[in-house]
Amino acid sequence: MRKLRDYDAELKALNDKARQLKLRKREQLGELVIATGADALPIERLAGVLLLAVEAADASTKEAQRTRGAAFFQGKSNSRSSARRDDSSPATDISSPHPTPAAPGAA
């Protein structure tokens, strides 16, 4: 005869694991904000920057953001030092890999 499964215990274990994963994700996001120096930004600006990244439509912008992020984690760029500049610095603009003047007609 087969052993009966305790579905309640399994469900509880899965819920506990999901809760732990959510907590770990939240902690890692906080650590990332601090590591990039974005914790120095006003909360409204940080939210705006994140929304711009999420709303990015063209593939070249997304790829530039991904490349810059990968370089940050690999330590191959000066992202860490440029992210700690003052709020007027264009180096913290995540929509482009390098500060460049706005193109005519760009929004």
PDB file of N, CA and C in Angstrom:
ATOM      1  N   MET A   1       0.828  -1.171   0.000  1.00  0.00           N
ATOM      2  CA  MET A   1       0.000   0.000   0.000  1.00  0.00           C
ATOM      3  C   MET A   1       0.886   1.254   0.000  1.00  0.00           C
ATOM      4  N   ARG A   2       0.469   2.239  -0.769  1.00  0.00           N
ATOM      5  CA  ARG A   2       1.230   3.472  -0.890  1.00  0.00           C
ATOM      6  C   ARG A   2       1.069   4.340   0.344  1.00  0.00           C
ATOM      7  N   LYS A   3       2.137   5.038   0.648  1.00  0.00           N
ATOM      8  CA  LYS A   3       2.110   5.957   1.778  1.00  0.00           C
ATOM      9  C   LYS A   3       1.307   7.192   1.387  1.00  0.00           C
ATOM     10  N   LEU A   4       0.440   7.634   2.275  1.00  0.00           N
ATOM     11  CA  LEU A   4      -0.361   8.819   2.007  1.00  0.00           C
ATOM     12  C   LEU A   4       0.502  10.067   2.103  1.00  0.00           C
ATOM     13  N   ARG A   5       0.233  11.009   1.227  1.00  0.00           N
ATOM     14  CA  ARG A   5       0.976  12.264   1.224  1.00  0.00           C
ATOM     15  C   ARG A   5       0.291  13.262   2.133  1.00  0.00           C
ATOM     16  N   ASP A   6       1.081  14.027   2.816  1.00  0.00           N
ATOM     17  CA  ASP A   6       0.553  15.081   3.677  1.00  0.00           C
ATOM     18  C   ASP A   6       0.557  16.378   2.868  1.00  0.00           C
ATOM     19  N   TYR A   7      -0.541  16.606   2.154  1.00  0.00           N
ATOM     20  CA  TYR A   7      -0.634  17.776   1.278  1.00  0.00           C
ATOM     21  C   TYR A   7      -0.549  19.084   2.060  1.00  0.00           C
ATOM     22  N   ASP A   8      -1.117  19.104   3.245  1.00  0.00           N
ATOM     23  CA  ASP A   8      -1.058  20.321   4.048  1.00  0.00           C
ATOM     24  C   ASP A   8       0.388  20.683   4.412  1.00  0.00           C
ATOM     25  N   ALA A   9       1.161  19.690   4.797  1.00  0.00           N
ATOM     26  CA  ALA A   9       2.562  19.932   5.150  1.00  0.00           C
ATOM     27  C   ALA A   9       3.361  20.370   3.918  1.00  0.00           C
ATOM     28  N   GLU A  10       3.095  19.748   2.780  1.00  0.00           N
ATOM     29  CA  GLU A  10       3.787  20.126   1.548  1.00  0.00           C
ATOM     30  C   GLU A  10       3.432  21.549   1.138  1.00  0.00           C
ATOM     31  N   LEU A  11       2.156  21.904   1.253  1.00  0.00           N
ATOM     32  CA  LEU A  11       1.721  23.249   0.909  1.00  0.00           C
ATOM     33  C   LEU A  11       2.351  24.277   1.840  1.00  0.00           C
ATOM     34  N   LYS A  12       2.413  23.970   3.118  1.00  0.00           N
ATOM     35  CA  LYS A  12       3.035  24.866   4.086  1.00  0.00           C
ATOM     36  C   LYS A  12       4.508  25.045   3.756  1.00  0.00           C
ATOM     37  N   ALA A  13       5.195  23.966   3.420  1.00  0.00           N
ATOM     38  CA  ALA A  13       6.612  24.042   3.067  1.00  0.00           C
ATOM     39  C   ALA A  13       6.825  24.898   1.822  1.00  0.00           C
ATOM     40  N   LEU A  14       5.960  24.736   0.835  1.00  0.00           N
ATOM     41  CA  LEU A  14       6.065  25.558  -0.379  1.00  0.00           C
ATOM     42  C   LEU A  14       5.805  27.031  -0.087  1.00  0.00           C
ATOM     43  N   ASN A  15       4.822  27.304   0.744  1.00  0.00           N
ATOM     44  CA  ASN A  15       4.536  28.692   1.117  1.00  0.00           C
ATOM     45  C   ASN A  15       5.704  29.311   1.879  1.00  0.00           C
ATOM     46  N   ASP A  16       6.310  28.538   2.768  1.00  0.00           N
ATOM     47  CA  ASP A  16       7.473  29.029   3.504  1.00  0.00           C
ATOM     48  C   ASP A  16       8.630  29.331   2.556  1.00  0.00           C
ATOM     49  N   LYS A  17       8.842  28.449   1.601  1.00  0.00           N
ATOM     50  CA  LYS A  17       9.925  28.660   0.639  1.00  0.00           C
ATOM     51  C   LYS A  17       9.658  29.897  -0.219  1.00  0.00           C
ATOM     52  N   ALA A  18       8.410  30.075  -0.657  1.00  0.00           N
ATOM     53  CA  ALA A  18       8.049  31.257  -1.449  1.00  0.00           C
ATOM     54  C   ALA A  18       8.280  32.528  -0.640  1.00  0.00           C
ATOM     55  N   ARG A  19       7.922  32.499   0.632  1.00  0.00           N
ATOM     56  CA  ARG A  19       8.116  33.657   1.502  1.00  0.00           C
ATOM     57  C   ARG A  19       9.607  33.970   1.646  1.00  0.00           C
ATOM     58  N   GLN A  20      10.429  32.932   1.815  1.00  0.00           N
ATOM     59  CA  GLN A  20      11.871  33.127   1.928  1.00  0.00           C
ATOM     60  C   GLN A  20      12.463  33.695   0.640  1.00  0.00           C
ATOM     61  N   LEU A  21      11.992  33.213  -0.505  1.00  0.00           N
ATOM     62  CA  LEU A  21      12.484  33.720  -1.787  1.00  0.00           C
ATOM     63  C   LEU A  21      12.116  35.192  -1.984  1.00  0.00           C
ATOM     64  N   LYS A  22      10.903  35.567  -1.601  1.00  0.00           N
ATOM     65  CA  LYS A  22      10.488  36.963  -1.705  1.00  0.00           C
ATOM     66  C   LYS A  22      11.329  37.851  -0.799  1.00  0.00           C
ATOM     67  N   LEU A  23      11.599  37.381   0.407  1.00  0.00           N
ATOM     68  CA  LEU A  23      12.419  38.135   1.345  1.00  0.00           C
ATOM     69  C   LEU A  23      13.835  38.294   0.812  1.00  0.00           C
ATOM     70  N   ARG A  24      14.395  37.211   0.260  1.00  0.00           N
ATOM     71  CA  ARG A  24      15.742  37.270  -0.303  1.00  0.00           C
ATOM     72  C   ARG A  24      15.806  38.228  -1.492  1.00  0.00           C
ATOM     73  N   LYS A  25      14.778  38.210  -2.321  1.00  0.00           N
ATOM     74  CA  LYS A  25      14.724  39.109  -3.475  1.00  0.00           C
ATOM     75  C   LYS A  25      14.693  40.560  -3.013  1.00  0.00           C
ATOM     76  N   ARG A  26      13.891  40.840  -2.013  1.00  0.00           N
ATOM     77  CA  ARG A  26      13.779  42.201  -1.481  1.00  0.00           C
ATOM     78  C   ARG A  26      15.116  42.660  -0.904  1.00  0.00           C
ATOM     79  N   GLU A  27      15.788  41.787  -0.169  1.00  0.00           N
ATOM     80  CA  GLU A  27      17.089  42.120   0.406  1.00  0.00           C
ATOM     81  C   GLU A  27      18.120  42.389  -0.684  1.00  0.00           C
ATOM     82  N   GLN A  28      18.116  41.562  -1.723  1.00  0.00           N
ATOM     83  CA  GLN A  28      19.076  41.735  -2.808  1.00  0.00           C
ATOM     84  C   GLN A  28      18.829  43.027  -3.576  1.00  0.00           C
ATOM     85  N   LEU A  29      17.569  43.380  -3.759  1.00  0.00           N
ATOM     86  CA  LEU A  29      17.270  44.650  -4.438  1.00  0.00           C
ATOM     87  C   LEU A  29      17.768  45.826  -3.601  1.00  0.00           C
ATOM     88  N   GLY A  30      17.568  45.755  -2.304  1.00  0.00           N
ATOM     89  CA  GLY A  30      18.075  46.806  -1.420  1.00  0.00           C
ATOM     90  C   GLY A  30      19.590  46.894  -1.479  1.00  0.00           C
ATOM     91  N   GLU A  31      20.256  45.753  -1.470  1.00  0.00           N
ATOM     92  CA  GLU A  31      21.716  45.727  -1.565  1.00  0.00           C
ATOM     93  C   GLU A  31      22.191  46.309  -2.888  1.00  0.00           C
ATOM     94  N   LEU A  32      21.468  46.030  -3.962  1.00  0.00           N
ATOM     95  CA  LEU A  32      21.829  46.554  -5.271  1.00  0.00           C
ATOM     96  C   LEU A  32      21.699  48.074  -5.298  1.00  0.00           C
ATOM     97  N   VAL A  33      20.619  48.583  -4.740  1.00  0.00           N
ATOM     98  CA  VAL A  33      20.422  50.035  -4.685  1.00  0.00           C
ATOM     99  C   VAL A  33      21.579  50.686  -3.931  1.00  0.00           C
ATOM    100  N   ILE A  34      21.976  50.092  -2.826  1.00  0.00           N
ATOM    101  CA  ILE A  34      23.069  50.645  -2.035  1.00  0.00           C
ATOM    102  C   ILE A  34      24.398  50.525  -2.778  1.00  0.00           C
ATOM    103  N   ALA A  35      24.657  49.376  -3.386  1.00  0.00           N
ATOM    104  CA  ALA A  35      25.924  49.144  -4.084  1.00  0.00           C
ATOM    105  C   ALA A  35      26.118  50.094  -5.255  1.00  0.00           C
ATOM    106  N   THR A  36      25.046  50.470  -5.921  1.00  0.00           N
ATOM    107  CA  THR A  36      25.158  51.376  -7.064  1.00  0.00           C
ATOM    108  C   THR A  36      25.212  52.833  -6.640  1.00  0.00           C
ATOM    109  N   GLY A  37      24.946  53.097  -5.372  1.00  0.00           N
ATOM    110  CA  GLY A  37      24.928  54.481  -4.901  1.00  0.00           C
ATOM    111  C   GLY A  37      23.581  55.142  -5.101  1.00  0.00           C
ATOM    112  N   ALA A  38      22.602  54.381  -5.577  1.00  0.00           N
ATOM    113  CA  ALA A  38      21.282  54.952  -5.848  1.00  0.00           C
ATOM    114  C   ALA A  38      20.519  55.280  -4.570  1.00  0.00           C
ATOM    115  N   ASP A  39      21.002  54.804  -3.431  1.00  0.00           N
ATOM    116  CA  ASP A  39      20.336  55.127  -2.175  1.00  0.00           C
ATOM    117  C   ASP A  39      20.485  56.605  -1.828  1.00  0.00           C
ATOM    118  N   ALA A  40      21.412  57.303  -2.490  1.00  0.00           N
ATOM    119  CA  ALA A  40      21.592  58.736  -2.270  1.00  0.00           C
ATOM    120  C   ALA A  40      20.588  59.571  -3.058  1.00  0.00           C
ATOM    121  N   LEU A  41      19.909  58.952  -4.019  1.00  0.00           N
ATOM    122  CA  LEU A  41      18.926  59.673  -4.834  1.00  0.00           C
ATOM    123  C   LEU A  41      17.635  59.883  -4.050  1.00  0.00           C
ATOM    124  N   PRO A  42      16.937  60.981  -4.348  1.00  0.00           N
ATOM    125  CA  PRO A  42      15.600  61.122  -3.760  1.00  0.00           C
ATOM    126  C   PRO A  42      14.720  59.973  -4.254  1.00  0.00           C
ATOM    127  N   ILE A  43      13.833  59.504  -3.423  1.00  0.00           N
ATOM    128  CA  ILE A  43      13.012  58.327  -3.732  1.00  0.00           C
ATOM    129  C   ILE A  43      12.201  58.521  -5.012  1.00  0.00           C
ATOM    130  N   GLU A  44      11.742  59.746  -5.258  1.00  0.00           N
ATOM    131  CA  GLU A  44      10.958  60.021  -6.468  1.00  0.00           C
ATOM    132  C   GLU A  44      11.810  59.843  -7.717  1.00  0.00           C
ATOM    133  N   ARG A  45      13.069  60.302  -7.641  1.00  0.00           N
ATOM    134  CA  ARG A  45      13.952  60.167  -8.800  1.00  0.00           C
ATOM    135  C   ARG A  45      14.314  58.708  -9.038  1.00  0.00           C
ATOM    136  N   LEU A  46      14.590  57.991  -7.966  1.00  0.00           N
ATOM    137  CA  LEU A  46      14.894  56.569  -8.101  1.00  0.00           C
ATOM    138  C   LEU A  46      13.730  55.824  -8.736  1.00  0.00           C
ATOM    139  N   ALA A  47      12.519  56.119  -8.283  1.00  0.00           N
ATOM    140  CA  ALA A  47      11.331  55.482  -8.873  1.00  0.00           C
ATOM    141  C   ALA A  47      11.211  55.854 -10.348  1.00  0.00           C
ATOM    142  N   GLY A  48      11.474  57.106 -10.690  1.00  0.00           N
ATOM    143  CA  GLY A  48      11.401  57.542 -12.079  1.00  0.00           C
ATOM    144  C   GLY A  48      12.406  56.832 -12.964  1.00  0.00           C
ATOM    145  N   VAL A  49      13.624  56.680 -12.470  1.00  0.00           N
ATOM    146  CA  VAL A  49      14.667  55.994 -13.232  1.00  0.00           C
ATOM    147  C   VAL A  49      14.279  54.538 -13.465  1.00  0.00           C
ATOM    148  N   LEU A  50      13.776  53.888 -12.427  1.00  0.00           N
ATOM    149  CA  LEU A  50      13.361  52.492 -12.570  1.00  0.00           C
ATOM    150  C   LEU A  50      12.196  52.359 -13.549  1.00  0.00           C
ATOM    151  N   LEU A  51      11.258  53.294 -13.491  1.00  0.00           N
ATOM    152  CA  LEU A  51      10.132  53.250 -14.424  1.00  0.00           C
ATOM    153  C   LEU A  51      10.606  53.450 -15.860  1.00  0.00           C
ATOM    154  N   LEU A  52      11.573  54.345 -16.075  1.00  0.00           N
ATOM    155  CA  LEU A  52      12.123  54.526 -17.415  1.00  0.00           C
ATOM    156  C   LEU A  52      12.763  53.239 -17.926  1.00  0.00           C
ATOM    157  N   ALA A  53      13.446  52.541 -17.055  1.00  0.00           N
ATOM    158  CA  ALA A  53      14.086  51.286 -17.455  1.00  0.00           C
ATOM    159  C   ALA A  53      13.046  50.236 -17.814  1.00  0.00           C
ATOM    160  N   VAL A  54      11.993  50.162 -17.027  1.00  0.00           N
ATOM    161  CA  VAL A  54      10.939  49.174 -17.284  1.00  0.00           C
ATOM    162  C   VAL A  54      10.193  49.501 -18.571  1.00  0.00           C
ATOM    163  N   GLU A  55      10.006  50.784 -18.836  1.00  0.00           N
ATOM    164  CA  GLU A  55       9.230  51.207 -20.005  1.00  0.00           C
ATOM    165  C   GLU A  55      10.064  51.298 -21.272  1.00  0.00           C
ATOM    166  N   ALA A  56      11.364  51.065 -21.195  1.00  0.00           N
ATOM    167  CA  ALA A  56      12.222  51.152 -22.379  1.00  0.00           C
ATOM    168  C   ALA A  56      11.681  50.223 -23.461  1.00  0.00           C
ATOM    169  N   ALA A  57      11.500  50.773 -24.659  1.00  0.00           N
ATOM    170  CA  ALA A  57      10.867  50.004 -25.719  1.00  0.00           C
ATOM    171  C   ALA A  57      11.866  49.460 -26.742  1.00  0.00           C
ATOM    172  N   ASP A  58      12.874  50.264 -27.100  1.00  0.00           N
ATOM    173  CA  ASP A  58      13.744  49.817 -28.188  1.00  0.00           C
ATOM    174  C   ASP A  58      14.829  48.876 -27.679  1.00  0.00           C
ATOM    175  N   ALA A  59      15.177  47.951 -28.522  1.00  0.00           N
ATOM    176  CA  ALA A  59      16.132  46.896 -28.166  1.00  0.00           C
ATOM    177  C   ALA A  59      17.519  47.451 -27.878  1.00  0.00           C
ATOM    178  N   SER A  60      17.916  48.515 -28.567  1.00  0.00           N
ATOM    179  CA  SER A  60      19.266  49.045 -28.350  1.00  0.00           C
ATOM    180  C   SER A  60      19.398  49.646 -26.951  1.00  0.00           C
ATOM    181  N   THR A  61      18.359  50.293 -26.461  1.00  0.00           N
ATOM    182  CA  THR A  61      18.385  50.846 -25.104  1.00  0.00           C
ATOM    183  C   THR A  61      18.441  49.726 -24.078  1.00  0.00           C
ATOM    184  N   LYS A  62      17.629  48.701 -24.286  1.00  0.00           N
ATOM    185  CA  LYS A  62      17.626  47.570 -23.361  1.00  0.00           C
ATOM    186  C   LYS A  62      18.986  46.875 -23.340  1.00  0.00           C
ATOM    187  N   GLU A  63      19.589  46.706 -24.499  1.00  0.00           N
ATOM    188  CA  GLU A  63      20.882  46.055 -24.572  1.00  0.00           C
ATOM    189  C   GLU A  63      21.958  46.914 -23.913  1.00  0.00           C
ATOM    190  N   ALA A  64      21.888  48.228 -24.108  1.00  0.00           N
ATOM    191  CA  ALA A  64      22.856  49.118 -23.462  1.00  0.00           C
ATOM    192  C   ALA A  64      22.726  49.040 -21.946  1.00  0.00           C
ATOM    193  N   GLN A  65      21.499  48.979 -21.461  1.00  0.00           N
ATOM    194  CA  GLN A  65      21.275  48.856 -20.018  1.00  0.00           C
ATOM    195  C   GLN A  65      21.812  47.527 -19.502  1.00  0.00           C
ATOM    196  N   ARG A  66      21.558  46.455 -20.229  1.00  0.00           N
ATOM    197  CA  ARG A  66      22.021  45.135 -19.825  1.00  0.00           C
ATOM    198  C   ARG A  66      23.545  45.084 -19.805  1.00  0.00           C
ATOM    199  N   THR A  67      24.177  45.642 -20.843  1.00  0.00           N
ATOM    200  CA  THR A  67      25.630  45.650 -20.939  1.00  0.00           C
ATOM    201  C   THR A  67      26.252  46.424 -19.784  1.00  0.00           C
ATOM    202  N   ARG A  68      25.670  47.572 -19.485  1.00  0.00           N
ATOM    203  CA  ARG A  68      26.196  48.387 -18.392  1.00  0.00           C
ATOM    204  C   ARG A  68      26.017  47.681 -17.050  1.00  0.00           C
ATOM    205  N   GLY A  69      24.896  47.028 -16.873  1.00  0.00           N
ATOM    206  CA  GLY A  69      24.674  46.279 -15.644  1.00  0.00           C
ATOM    207  C   GLY A  69      25.643  45.121 -15.502  1.00  0.00           C
ATOM    208  N   ALA A  70      25.867  44.406 -16.591  1.00  0.00           N
ATOM    209  CA  ALA A  70      26.812  43.285 -16.555  1.00  0.00           C
ATOM    210  C   ALA A  70      28.215  43.785 -16.240  1.00  0.00           C
ATOM    211  N   ALA A  71      28.599  44.915 -16.825  1.00  0.00           N
ATOM    212  CA  ALA A  71      29.921  45.489 -16.555  1.00  0.00           C
ATOM    213  C   ALA A  71      30.041  45.899 -15.095  1.00  0.00           C
ATOM    214  N   PHE A  72      28.967  46.394 -14.518  1.00  0.00           N
ATOM    215  CA  PHE A  72      28.975  46.765 -13.101  1.00  0.00           C
ATOM    216  C   PHE A  72      29.288  45.546 -12.238  1.00  0.00           C
ATOM    217  N   PHE A  73      28.622  44.446 -12.516  1.00  0.00           N
ATOM    218  CA  PHE A  73      28.828  43.246 -11.715  1.00  0.00           C
ATOM    219  C   PHE A  73      30.199  42.624 -11.949  1.00  0.00           C
ATOM    220  N   GLN A  74      30.735  42.775 -13.145  1.00  0.00           N
ATOM    221  CA  GLN A  74      32.036  42.202 -13.454  1.00  0.00           C
ATOM    222  C   GLN A  74      33.180  43.119 -13.037  1.00  0.00           C
ATOM    223  N   GLY A  75      32.843  44.365 -12.689  1.00  0.00           N
ATOM    224  CA  GLY A  75      33.866  45.310 -12.278  1.00  0.00           C
ATOM    225  C   GLY A  75      34.719  45.798 -13.432  1.00  0.00           C
ATOM    226  N   LYS A  76      34.223  45.649 -14.676  1.00  0.00           N
ATOM    227  CA  LYS A  76      35.004  46.034 -15.849  1.00  0.00           C
ATOM    228  C   LYS A  76      34.862  47.510 -16.194  1.00  0.00           C
ATOM    229  N   SER A  77      33.956  48.211 -15.520  1.00  0.00           N
ATOM    230  CA  SER A  77      33.786  49.629 -15.822  1.00  0.00           C
ATOM    231  C   SER A  77      33.888  50.420 -14.531  1.00  0.00           C
ATOM    232  N   ASN A  78      33.814  51.701 -14.654  1.00  0.00           N
ATOM    233  CA  ASN A  78      33.847  52.543 -13.467  1.00  0.00           C
ATOM    234  C   ASN A  78      32.429  52.883 -13.036  1.00  0.00           C
ATOM    235  N   SER A  79      31.493  51.967 -13.266  1.00  0.00           N
ATOM    236  CA  SER A  79      30.099  52.194 -12.906  1.00  0.00           C
ATOM    237  C   SER A  79      29.945  52.521 -11.435  1.00  0.00           C
ATOM    238  N   ARG A  80      30.718  51.857 -10.602  1.00  0.00           N
ATOM    239  CA  ARG A  80      30.586  52.084  -9.165  1.00  0.00           C
ATOM    240  C   ARG A  80      30.967  53.503  -8.807  1.00  0.00           C
ATOM    241  N   SER A  81      32.040  54.021  -9.384  1.00  0.00           N
ATOM    242  CA  SER A  81      32.446  55.380  -9.044  1.00  0.00           C
ATOM    243  C   SER A  81      31.539  56.402  -9.721  1.00  0.00           C
ATOM    244  N   SER A  82      31.102  56.124 -10.944  1.00  0.00           N
ATOM    245  CA  SER A  82      30.239  57.087 -11.620  1.00  0.00           C
ATOM    246  C   SER A  82      28.849  57.109 -11.027  1.00  0.00           C
ATOM    247  N   ALA A  83      28.408  55.987 -10.437  1.00  0.00           N
ATOM    248  CA  ALA A  83      27.089  55.954  -9.820  1.00  0.00           C
ATOM    249  C   ALA A  83      27.051  56.761  -8.545  1.00  0.00           C
ATOM    250  N   ARG A  84      28.195  57.073  -7.968  1.00  0.00           N
ATOM    251  CA  ARG A  84      28.237  57.828  -6.723  1.00  0.00           C
ATOM    252  C   ARG A  84      28.401  59.326  -6.954  1.00  0.00           C
ATOM    253  N   ARG A  85      28.377  59.777  -8.182  1.00  0.00           N
ATOM    254  CA  ARG A  85      28.454  61.213  -8.466  1.00  0.00           C
ATOM    255  C   ARG A  85      27.187  61.894  -7.997  1.00  0.00           C
ATOM    256  N   ASP A  86      27.224  63.226  -8.048  1.00  0.00           N
ATOM    257  CA  ASP A  86      26.043  63.956  -7.576  1.00  0.00           C
ATOM    258  C   ASP A  86      24.862  63.778  -8.509  1.00  0.00           C
ATOM    259  N   ASP A  87      23.696  64.222  -8.093  1.00  0.00           N
ATOM    260  CA  ASP A  87      22.453  63.995  -8.829  1.00  0.00           C
ATOM    261  C   ASP A  87      22.447  64.615 -10.220  1.00  0.00           C
ATOM    262  N   SER A  88      23.284  65.616 -10.468  1.00  0.00           N
ATOM    263  CA  SER A  88      23.275  66.267 -11.778  1.00  0.00           C
ATOM    264  C   SER A  88      24.099  65.496 -12.798  1.00  0.00           C
ATOM    265  N   SER A  89      24.768  64.448 -12.378  1.00  0.00           N
ATOM    266  CA  SER A  89      25.628  63.682 -13.266  1.00  0.00           C
ATOM    267  C   SER A  89      24.812  62.829 -14.229  1.00  0.00           C
ATOM    268  N   PRO A  90      25.079  62.923 -15.532  1.00  0.00           N
ATOM    269  CA  PRO A  90      24.358  62.080 -16.480  1.00  0.00           C
ATOM    270  C   PRO A  90      24.818  60.635 -16.436  1.00  0.00           C
ATOM    271  N   ALA A  91      25.899  60.313 -15.721  1.00  0.00           N
ATOM    272  CA  ALA A  91      26.410  58.946 -15.684  1.00  0.00           C
ATOM    273  C   ALA A  91      25.448  57.993 -14.992  1.00  0.00           C
ATOM    274  N   THR A  92      24.505  58.502 -14.195  1.00  0.00           N
ATOM    275  CA  THR A  92      23.559  57.624 -13.530  1.00  0.00           C
ATOM    276  C   THR A  92      22.318  57.384 -14.372  1.00  0.00           C
ATOM    277  N   ASP A  93      22.268  57.963 -15.572  1.00  0.00           N
ATOM    278  CA  ASP A  93      21.143  57.736 -16.474  1.00  0.00           C
ATOM    279  C   ASP A  93      21.252  56.337 -17.030  1.00  0.00           C
ATOM    280  N   ILE A  94      20.335  55.448 -16.646  1.00  0.00           N
ATOM    281  CA  ILE A  94      20.427  54.050 -17.042  1.00  0.00           C
ATOM    282  C   ILE A  94      19.945  53.794 -18.461  1.00  0.00           C
ATOM    283  N   SER A  95      19.484  54.833 -19.146  1.00  0.00           N
ATOM    284  CA  SER A  95      18.964  54.617 -20.490  1.00  0.00           C
ATOM    285  C   SER A  95      20.069  54.564 -21.535  1.00  0.00           C
ATOM    286  N   SER A  96      21.293  54.948 -21.173  1.00  0.00           N
ATOM    287  CA  SER A  96      22.380  54.873 -22.131  1.00  0.00           C
ATOM    288  C   SER A  96      23.640  54.407 -21.428  1.00  0.00           C
ATOM    289  N   PRO A  97      24.517  53.712 -22.143  1.00  0.00           N
ATOM    290  CA  PRO A  97      25.712  53.196 -21.506  1.00  0.00           C
ATOM    291  C   PRO A  97      26.722  54.283 -21.164  1.00  0.00           C
ATOM    292  N   HIS A  98      26.729  55.364 -21.902  1.00  0.00           N
ATOM    293  CA  HIS A  98      27.669  56.465 -21.670  1.00  0.00           C
ATOM    294  C   HIS A  98      26.901  57.766 -21.813  1.00  0.00           C
ATOM    295  N   PRO A  99      27.275  58.795 -21.047  1.00  0.00           N
ATOM    296  CA  PRO A  99      26.588  60.071 -21.185  1.00  0.00           C
ATOM    297  C   PRO A  99      26.816  60.653 -22.573  1.00  0.00           C
ATOM    298  N   THR A 100      25.738  60.941 -23.259  1.00  0.00           N
ATOM    299  CA  THR A 100      25.835  61.543 -24.584  1.00  0.00           C
ATOM    300  C   THR A 100      24.801  62.639 -24.690  1.00  0.00           C
ATOM    301  N   PRO A 101      25.034  63.623 -25.544  1.00  0.00           N
ATOM    302  CA  PRO A 101      24.026  64.668 -25.721  1.00  0.00           C
ATOM    303  C   PRO A 101      22.763  64.086 -26.339  1.00  0.00           C
ATOM    304  N   ALA A 102      21.649  64.673 -26.004  1.00  0.00           N
ATOM    305  CA  ALA A 102      20.363  64.197 -26.538  1.00  0.00           C
ATOM    306  C   ALA A 102      20.302  64.457 -28.034  1.00  0.00           C
ATOM    307  N   ALA A 103      19.787  63.509 -28.765  1.00  0.00           N
ATOM    308  CA  ALA A 103      19.637  63.642 -30.204  1.00  0.00           C
ATOM    309  C   ALA A 103      18.487  64.593 -30.495  1.00  0.00           C
ATOM    310  N   PRO A 104      18.558  65.343 -31.588  1.00  0.00           N
ATOM    311  CA  PRO A 104      17.458  66.235 -31.939  1.00  0.00           C
ATOM    312  C   PRO A 104      16.174  65.435 -32.116  1.00  0.00           C
ATOM    313  N   GLY A 105      15.115  65.921 -31.507  1.00  0.00           N
ATOM    314  CA  GLY A 105      13.822  65.258 -31.619  1.00  0.00           C
ATOM    315  C   GLY A 105      13.632  64.130 -30.624  1.00  0.00           C
ATOM    316  N   ALA A 106      14.640  63.884 -29.806  1.00  0.00           N
ATOM    317  CA  ALA A 106      14.518  62.810 -28.810  1.00  0.00           C
ATOM    318  C   ALA A 106      13.710  63.311 -27.636  1.00  0.00           C
ATOM    319  N   ALA A 107      12.881  62.422 -27.078  1.00  0.00           N
ATOM    320  CA  ALA A 107      12.053  62.831 -25.954  1.00  0.00           C
ATOM    321  C   ALA A 107      12.700  62.522 -24.640  1.00  0.00           C
TER     322      ALA A 107
END
